[in-house]
Amino acid sequence: MTKPFINLACLLLVSCFSASVMAKLPAPSDEAKAKAAEAAAKTAHGDKIAAFQLCKSREKVAAHYYKTAKASGKQTTPPVATPACVDPGPYVAAAPGAPAVAAASAAPAKPGTSPAAPAATPAKKS
C-alpha cells in the first residue's frame, strides 16, 4: 500500500520541478557573446597547441626508434611521409571591434613554412 503513495509523491515532485526547468532563459548580452567567442578562440588555440606538441613528440619518438633500431642492426621500414608540424604561435586576442570569426578562421600555413609573426603581442596582465 505504501508503494503507490511513494510513486505518487515522486510524480508530484517531478511535476513541480519540471515547470521551473522549462523556463526560458533570457538571450545573452553582447558582452556575454563576446566573452563566449573569446573563450572559444582560446580553446581552439589551445587545441592547436596540443596538436603541435603531440606532432613534435611523435616525431621525437619516431626518430628515437629509427636511431635505436639502426644501432642494434634491426631492419626497419621507411617512415611514412607526414605533413610537417606547424607551430600555431602565441595566442593573439582579437581587437575589441573586430569580428572574432575572422581571427579564428585564418587560413593555415603551408606545411614546411613558419607562420608569420604577429604584429603586436598583447601586454601581460599582472
N, C-alpha and C. Protein backbone atom coordinates (compact mmCIF):
# COMPACT_ATOMS: atom_id res chain seq x y z
N MET A 1 0.82 -1.19 0.00
CA MET A 1 0.00 0.00 0.00
C MET A 1 0.86 1.26 0.00
N THR A 2 2.06 1.20 0.56
CA THR A 2 2.90 2.39 0.62
C THR A 2 3.59 2.67 -0.72
N LYS A 3 3.77 1.64 -1.54
CA LYS A 3 4.43 1.84 -2.82
C LYS A 3 3.65 2.79 -3.75
N PRO A 4 2.34 2.68 -3.88
CA PRO A 4 1.63 3.65 -4.72
C PRO A 4 1.74 5.08 -4.19
N PHE A 5 1.77 5.24 -2.88
CA PHE A 5 1.91 6.58 -2.32
C PHE A 5 3.29 7.16 -2.61
N ILE A 6 4.33 6.33 -2.56
CA ILE A 6 5.69 6.79 -2.87
C ILE A 6 5.78 7.19 -4.34
N ASN A 7 5.18 6.37 -5.21
CA ASN A 7 5.18 6.68 -6.64
C ASN A 7 4.43 7.99 -6.92
N LEU A 8 3.30 8.18 -6.25
CA LEU A 8 2.52 9.39 -6.44
C LEU A 8 3.29 10.62 -5.93
N ALA A 9 3.96 10.48 -4.81
CA ALA A 9 4.74 11.59 -4.25
C ALA A 9 5.89 11.95 -5.19
N CYS A 10 6.56 10.94 -5.73
CA CYS A 10 7.65 11.20 -6.69
C CYS A 10 7.12 11.89 -7.94
N LEU A 11 5.97 11.45 -8.42
CA LEU A 11 5.37 12.05 -9.60
C LEU A 11 5.01 13.52 -9.35
N LEU A 12 4.49 13.82 -8.19
CA LEU A 12 4.16 15.20 -7.85
C LEU A 12 5.41 16.07 -7.74
N LEU A 13 6.46 15.54 -7.12
CA LEU A 13 7.71 16.30 -7.01
C LEU A 13 8.31 16.59 -8.37
N VAL A 14 8.32 15.59 -9.23
CA VAL A 14 8.88 15.77 -10.57
C VAL A 14 8.07 16.79 -11.35
N SER A 15 6.76 16.72 -11.25
CA SER A 15 5.93 17.67 -11.99
C SER A 15 6.10 19.10 -11.47
N CYS A 16 6.34 19.27 -10.18
CA CYS A 16 6.55 20.62 -9.63
C CYS A 16 7.85 21.22 -10.12
N PHE A 17 8.90 20.41 -10.17
CA PHE A 17 10.21 20.92 -10.58
C PHE A 17 10.36 21.00 -12.10
N SER A 18 9.57 20.28 -12.83
CA SER A 18 9.70 20.31 -14.28
C SER A 18 9.25 21.64 -14.86
N ALA A 19 8.32 22.31 -14.22
CA ALA A 19 7.86 23.60 -14.70
C ALA A 19 8.99 24.63 -14.61
N SER A 20 9.79 24.58 -13.57
CA SER A 20 10.90 25.53 -13.43
C SER A 20 12.01 25.21 -14.42
N VAL A 21 12.14 23.98 -14.81
CA VAL A 21 13.17 23.59 -15.77
C VAL A 21 12.82 24.10 -17.16
N MET A 22 11.57 24.19 -17.48
CA MET A 22 11.14 24.61 -18.80
C MET A 22 11.13 26.12 -18.98
N ALA A 23 11.50 26.87 -17.97
CA ALA A 23 11.51 28.32 -18.08
C ALA A 23 12.55 28.74 -19.12
N LYS A 24 12.22 29.75 -19.92
CA LYS A 24 13.11 30.22 -20.97
C LYS A 24 14.09 31.23 -20.39
N LEU A 25 15.37 31.03 -20.71
CA LEU A 25 16.40 31.95 -20.25
C LEU A 25 16.45 33.16 -21.17
N PRO A 26 16.84 34.30 -20.64
CA PRO A 26 16.95 35.49 -21.50
C PRO A 26 18.11 35.34 -22.47
N ALA A 27 18.04 36.04 -23.58
CA ALA A 27 19.11 36.00 -24.58
C ALA A 27 20.37 36.61 -23.98
N PRO A 28 21.55 36.06 -24.31
CA PRO A 28 22.78 36.62 -23.74
C PRO A 28 23.06 38.01 -24.31
N SER A 29 23.68 38.84 -23.49
CA SER A 29 24.01 40.20 -23.93
C SER A 29 25.18 40.16 -24.90
N ASP A 30 25.45 41.30 -25.54
CA ASP A 30 26.57 41.37 -26.48
C ASP A 30 27.90 41.11 -25.78
N GLU A 31 28.00 41.57 -24.55
CA GLU A 31 29.23 41.35 -23.77
C GLU A 31 29.41 39.87 -23.48
N ALA A 32 28.33 39.19 -23.13
CA ALA A 32 28.41 37.75 -22.86
C ALA A 32 28.76 36.99 -24.13
N LYS A 33 28.20 37.43 -25.27
CA LYS A 33 28.53 36.78 -26.54
C LYS A 33 30.00 36.97 -26.88
N ALA A 34 30.53 38.17 -26.61
CA ALA A 34 31.94 38.44 -26.89
C ALA A 34 32.84 37.59 -26.00
N LYS A 35 32.47 37.45 -24.73
CA LYS A 35 33.25 36.61 -23.82
C LYS A 35 33.22 35.16 -24.27
N ALA A 36 32.07 34.70 -24.72
CA ALA A 36 31.95 33.32 -25.19
C ALA A 36 32.79 33.11 -26.45
N ALA A 37 32.80 34.08 -27.34
CA ALA A 37 33.60 33.97 -28.56
C ALA A 37 35.09 33.97 -28.22
N GLU A 38 35.49 34.80 -27.27
CA GLU A 38 36.89 34.84 -26.84
C GLU A 38 37.29 33.51 -26.20
N ALA A 39 36.42 32.96 -25.38
CA ALA A 39 36.71 31.66 -24.76
C ALA A 39 36.82 30.57 -25.81
N ALA A 40 35.96 30.61 -26.82
CA ALA A 40 36.02 29.62 -27.90
C ALA A 40 37.32 29.77 -28.69
N ALA A 41 37.76 31.01 -28.92
CA ALA A 41 39.01 31.23 -29.65
C ALA A 41 40.20 30.73 -28.85
N LYS A 42 40.18 30.97 -27.53
CA LYS A 42 41.27 30.49 -26.67
C LYS A 42 41.30 28.96 -26.65
N THR A 43 40.14 28.35 -26.60
CA THR A 43 40.07 26.89 -26.60
C THR A 43 40.58 26.32 -27.92
N ALA A 44 40.20 26.94 -29.03
CA ALA A 44 40.66 26.49 -30.34
C ALA A 44 42.17 26.62 -30.45
N HIS A 45 42.73 27.72 -29.93
CA HIS A 45 44.18 27.89 -29.97
C HIS A 45 44.86 26.87 -29.08
N GLY A 46 44.27 26.59 -27.93
CA GLY A 46 44.82 25.55 -27.05
C GLY A 46 44.83 24.19 -27.73
N ASP A 47 43.79 23.90 -28.50
CA ASP A 47 43.74 22.64 -29.24
C ASP A 47 44.85 22.58 -30.29
N LYS A 48 45.11 23.72 -30.96
CA LYS A 48 46.18 23.76 -31.95
C LYS A 48 47.54 23.56 -31.29
N ILE A 49 47.73 24.15 -30.12
CA ILE A 49 48.99 23.98 -29.38
C ILE A 49 49.16 22.51 -29.00
N ALA A 50 48.09 21.88 -28.51
CA ALA A 50 48.15 20.47 -28.12
C ALA A 50 48.47 19.58 -29.32
N ALA A 51 47.87 19.87 -30.47
CA ALA A 51 48.15 19.09 -31.67
C ALA A 51 49.60 19.27 -32.11
N PHE A 52 50.13 20.47 -31.99
CA PHE A 52 51.53 20.73 -32.34
C PHE A 52 52.46 19.96 -31.41
N GLN A 53 52.19 20.00 -30.12
CA GLN A 53 53.03 19.30 -29.16
C GLN A 53 52.97 17.78 -29.38
N LEU A 54 51.79 17.27 -29.70
CA LEU A 54 51.66 15.84 -30.00
C LEU A 54 52.45 15.48 -31.25
N CYS A 55 52.39 16.31 -32.26
CA CYS A 55 53.13 16.07 -33.50
C CYS A 55 54.63 16.04 -33.23
N LYS A 56 55.12 17.01 -32.45
CA LYS A 56 56.55 17.05 -32.14
C LYS A 56 56.97 15.82 -31.33
N SER A 57 56.15 15.39 -30.39
CA SER A 57 56.50 14.23 -29.59
C SER A 57 56.51 12.96 -30.44
N ARG A 58 55.58 12.85 -31.39
CA ARG A 58 55.58 11.70 -32.29
C ARG A 58 56.84 11.67 -33.14
N GLU A 59 57.25 12.85 -33.62
CA GLU A 59 58.48 12.91 -34.41
C GLU A 59 59.68 12.50 -33.57
N LYS A 60 59.71 12.93 -32.33
CA LYS A 60 60.82 12.60 -31.43
C LYS A 60 60.87 11.09 -31.17
N VAL A 61 59.71 10.50 -30.93
CA VAL A 61 59.65 9.06 -30.67
C VAL A 61 60.07 8.28 -31.91
N ALA A 62 59.60 8.71 -33.08
CA ALA A 62 59.97 8.02 -34.31
C ALA A 62 61.47 8.13 -34.58
N ALA A 63 62.04 9.31 -34.34
CA ALA A 63 63.47 9.49 -34.54
C ALA A 63 64.26 8.59 -33.60
N HIS A 64 63.82 8.50 -32.34
CA HIS A 64 64.50 7.63 -31.38
C HIS A 64 64.38 6.16 -31.80
N TYR A 65 63.22 5.77 -32.27
CA TYR A 65 63.02 4.39 -32.71
C TYR A 65 63.97 4.05 -33.85
N TYR A 66 64.02 4.90 -34.87
CA TYR A 66 64.88 4.61 -36.01
C TYR A 66 66.35 4.63 -35.62
N LYS A 67 66.72 5.51 -34.69
CA LYS A 67 68.11 5.58 -34.24
C LYS A 67 68.50 4.31 -33.50
N THR A 68 67.65 3.87 -32.57
CA THR A 68 67.99 2.68 -31.79
C THR A 68 67.90 1.41 -32.64
N ALA A 69 66.95 1.38 -33.57
CA ALA A 69 66.82 0.20 -34.43
C ALA A 69 68.04 0.08 -35.35
N LYS A 70 68.51 1.20 -35.84
CA LYS A 70 69.69 1.19 -36.71
C LYS A 70 70.92 0.78 -35.92
N ALA A 71 71.05 1.26 -34.68
CA ALA A 71 72.21 0.95 -33.85
C ALA A 71 72.23 -0.53 -33.48
N SER A 72 71.05 -1.14 -33.30
CA SER A 72 71.01 -2.55 -32.92
C SER A 72 71.01 -3.47 -34.14
N GLY A 73 70.98 -2.90 -35.32
CA GLY A 73 71.05 -3.71 -36.54
C GLY A 73 69.71 -4.24 -37.01
N LYS A 74 68.61 -3.77 -36.45
CA LYS A 74 67.29 -4.22 -36.89
C LYS A 74 66.93 -3.56 -38.21
N GLN A 75 66.22 -4.30 -39.04
CA GLN A 75 65.76 -3.74 -40.29
C GLN A 75 64.41 -3.04 -40.05
N THR A 76 64.28 -1.84 -40.58
CA THR A 76 63.05 -1.08 -40.39
C THR A 76 62.47 -0.73 -41.75
N THR A 77 61.18 -0.45 -41.73
CA THR A 77 60.53 0.02 -42.95
C THR A 77 60.76 1.52 -43.06
N PRO A 78 60.73 2.06 -44.27
CA PRO A 78 60.91 3.51 -44.38
C PRO A 78 59.75 4.25 -43.72
N PRO A 79 60.05 5.42 -43.13
CA PRO A 79 58.98 6.16 -42.45
C PRO A 79 57.93 6.65 -43.43
N VAL A 80 56.71 6.75 -42.96
CA VAL A 80 55.60 7.24 -43.76
C VAL A 80 55.70 8.77 -43.83
N ALA A 81 55.52 9.31 -45.01
CA ALA A 81 55.57 10.77 -45.17
C ALA A 81 54.34 11.40 -44.52
N THR A 82 54.58 12.31 -43.63
CA THR A 82 53.50 13.02 -42.94
C THR A 82 53.73 14.51 -43.09
N PRO A 83 52.67 15.32 -42.97
CA PRO A 83 52.88 16.77 -43.06
C PRO A 83 53.72 17.27 -41.89
N ALA A 84 54.46 18.31 -42.15
CA ALA A 84 55.32 18.89 -41.11
C ALA A 84 54.46 19.50 -40.01
N CYS A 85 55.01 19.50 -38.81
CA CYS A 85 54.32 20.12 -37.67
C CYS A 85 54.36 21.64 -37.85
N VAL A 86 53.20 22.27 -37.69
CA VAL A 86 53.11 23.72 -37.84
C VAL A 86 52.83 24.34 -36.48
N ASP A 87 53.77 25.20 -36.04
CA ASP A 87 53.62 25.88 -34.76
C ASP A 87 52.56 26.97 -34.90
N PRO A 88 51.49 26.94 -34.08
CA PRO A 88 50.45 27.97 -34.19
C PRO A 88 50.88 29.32 -33.65
N GLY A 89 51.98 29.39 -32.94
CA GLY A 89 52.44 30.67 -32.40
C GLY A 89 51.68 31.04 -31.14
N PRO A 90 52.00 32.19 -30.57
CA PRO A 90 51.31 32.61 -29.35
C PRO A 90 49.89 33.04 -29.65
N TYR A 91 49.06 32.99 -28.64
CA TYR A 91 47.66 33.40 -28.78
C TYR A 91 47.61 34.91 -28.89
N VAL A 92 46.89 35.40 -29.88
CA VAL A 92 46.70 36.83 -30.07
C VAL A 92 45.21 37.10 -30.00
N ALA A 93 44.82 37.90 -29.03
CA ALA A 93 43.40 38.22 -28.86
C ALA A 93 42.95 39.12 -29.99
N ALA A 94 41.71 38.94 -30.43
CA ALA A 94 41.15 39.77 -31.48
C ALA A 94 40.91 41.17 -30.94
N ALA A 95 40.96 42.15 -31.82
CA ALA A 95 40.70 43.53 -31.42
C ALA A 95 39.25 43.64 -30.94
N PRO A 96 38.95 44.52 -30.01
CA PRO A 96 37.59 44.60 -29.47
C PRO A 96 36.52 44.84 -30.52
N GLY A 97 36.80 45.63 -31.55
CA GLY A 97 35.80 45.93 -32.57
C GLY A 97 35.80 44.94 -33.71
N ALA A 98 36.85 44.13 -33.85
CA ALA A 98 36.97 43.19 -34.97
C ALA A 98 36.14 41.95 -34.70
N PRO A 99 35.57 41.37 -35.74
CA PRO A 99 34.81 40.14 -35.53
C PRO A 99 35.75 38.99 -35.16
N ALA A 100 35.32 38.19 -34.22
CA ALA A 100 36.16 37.08 -33.74
C ALA A 100 36.24 35.96 -34.75
N VAL A 101 35.26 35.86 -35.64
CA VAL A 101 35.23 34.77 -36.62
C VAL A 101 36.39 34.90 -37.59
N ALA A 102 36.75 36.11 -38.00
CA ALA A 102 37.83 36.31 -38.95
C ALA A 102 39.16 35.88 -38.35
N ALA A 103 39.39 36.14 -37.08
CA ALA A 103 40.64 35.76 -36.44
C ALA A 103 40.70 34.25 -36.22
N ALA A 104 39.57 33.64 -35.92
CA ALA A 104 39.56 32.21 -35.63
C ALA A 104 39.67 31.37 -36.88
N SER A 105 39.21 31.88 -38.03
CA SER A 105 39.22 31.07 -39.24
C SER A 105 40.32 31.51 -40.20
N ALA A 106 41.46 31.94 -39.68
CA ALA A 106 42.58 32.33 -40.54
C ALA A 106 43.08 31.09 -41.26
N ALA A 107 43.52 31.27 -42.50
CA ALA A 107 43.98 30.15 -43.31
C ALA A 107 45.25 29.56 -42.70
N PRO A 108 45.35 28.24 -42.61
CA PRO A 108 46.55 27.63 -42.05
C PRO A 108 47.73 27.79 -42.99
N ALA A 109 48.92 27.84 -42.42
CA ALA A 109 50.12 27.99 -43.22
C ALA A 109 50.42 26.70 -43.97
N LYS A 110 51.14 26.81 -45.07
CA LYS A 110 51.52 25.63 -45.84
C LYS A 110 52.50 24.80 -45.02
N PRO A 111 52.46 23.47 -45.16
CA PRO A 111 53.42 22.65 -44.43
C PRO A 111 54.85 23.00 -44.81
N GLY A 112 55.71 23.04 -43.82
CA GLY A 112 57.11 23.34 -44.06
C GLY A 112 57.43 24.82 -43.98
N THR A 113 56.44 25.67 -43.81
CA THR A 113 56.69 27.10 -43.68
C THR A 113 56.36 27.53 -42.27
N SER A 114 57.05 28.54 -41.81
CA SER A 114 56.77 29.03 -40.47
C SER A 114 55.66 30.07 -40.55
N PRO A 115 54.80 30.14 -39.55
CA PRO A 115 53.72 31.13 -39.58
C PRO A 115 54.29 32.53 -39.41
N ALA A 116 53.60 33.49 -39.96
CA ALA A 116 54.05 34.88 -39.85
C ALA A 116 53.96 35.33 -38.40
N ALA A 117 54.90 36.13 -38.00
CA ALA A 117 54.93 36.64 -36.63
C ALA A 117 53.80 37.65 -36.45
N PRO A 118 53.12 37.64 -35.31
CA PRO A 118 52.05 38.61 -35.09
C PRO A 118 52.62 40.02 -35.00
N ALA A 119 51.82 40.98 -35.44
CA ALA A 119 52.28 42.38 -35.48
C ALA A 119 52.55 42.91 -34.08
N ALA A 120 51.66 42.63 -33.17
CA ALA A 120 51.83 43.11 -31.80
C ALA A 120 51.32 42.06 -30.84
N THR A 121 52.05 41.87 -29.78
CA THR A 121 51.61 40.91 -28.77
C THR A 121 50.93 41.68 -27.65
N PRO A 122 49.86 41.12 -27.08
CA PRO A 122 49.17 41.83 -26.00
C PRO A 122 50.03 41.89 -24.75
N ALA A 123 49.90 42.96 -24.00
CA ALA A 123 50.64 43.11 -22.75
C ALA A 123 50.14 42.12 -21.72
N LYS A 124 51.04 41.58 -20.94
CA LYS A 124 50.66 40.62 -19.90
C LYS A 124 50.06 41.37 -18.72
N LYS A 125 49.02 40.78 -18.20
CA LYS A 125 48.36 41.38 -17.03
C LYS A 125 49.05 40.86 -15.78
N SER A 126 49.26 41.71 -14.82
CA SER A 126 49.91 41.27 -13.60
C SER A 126 48.98 41.30 -12.44
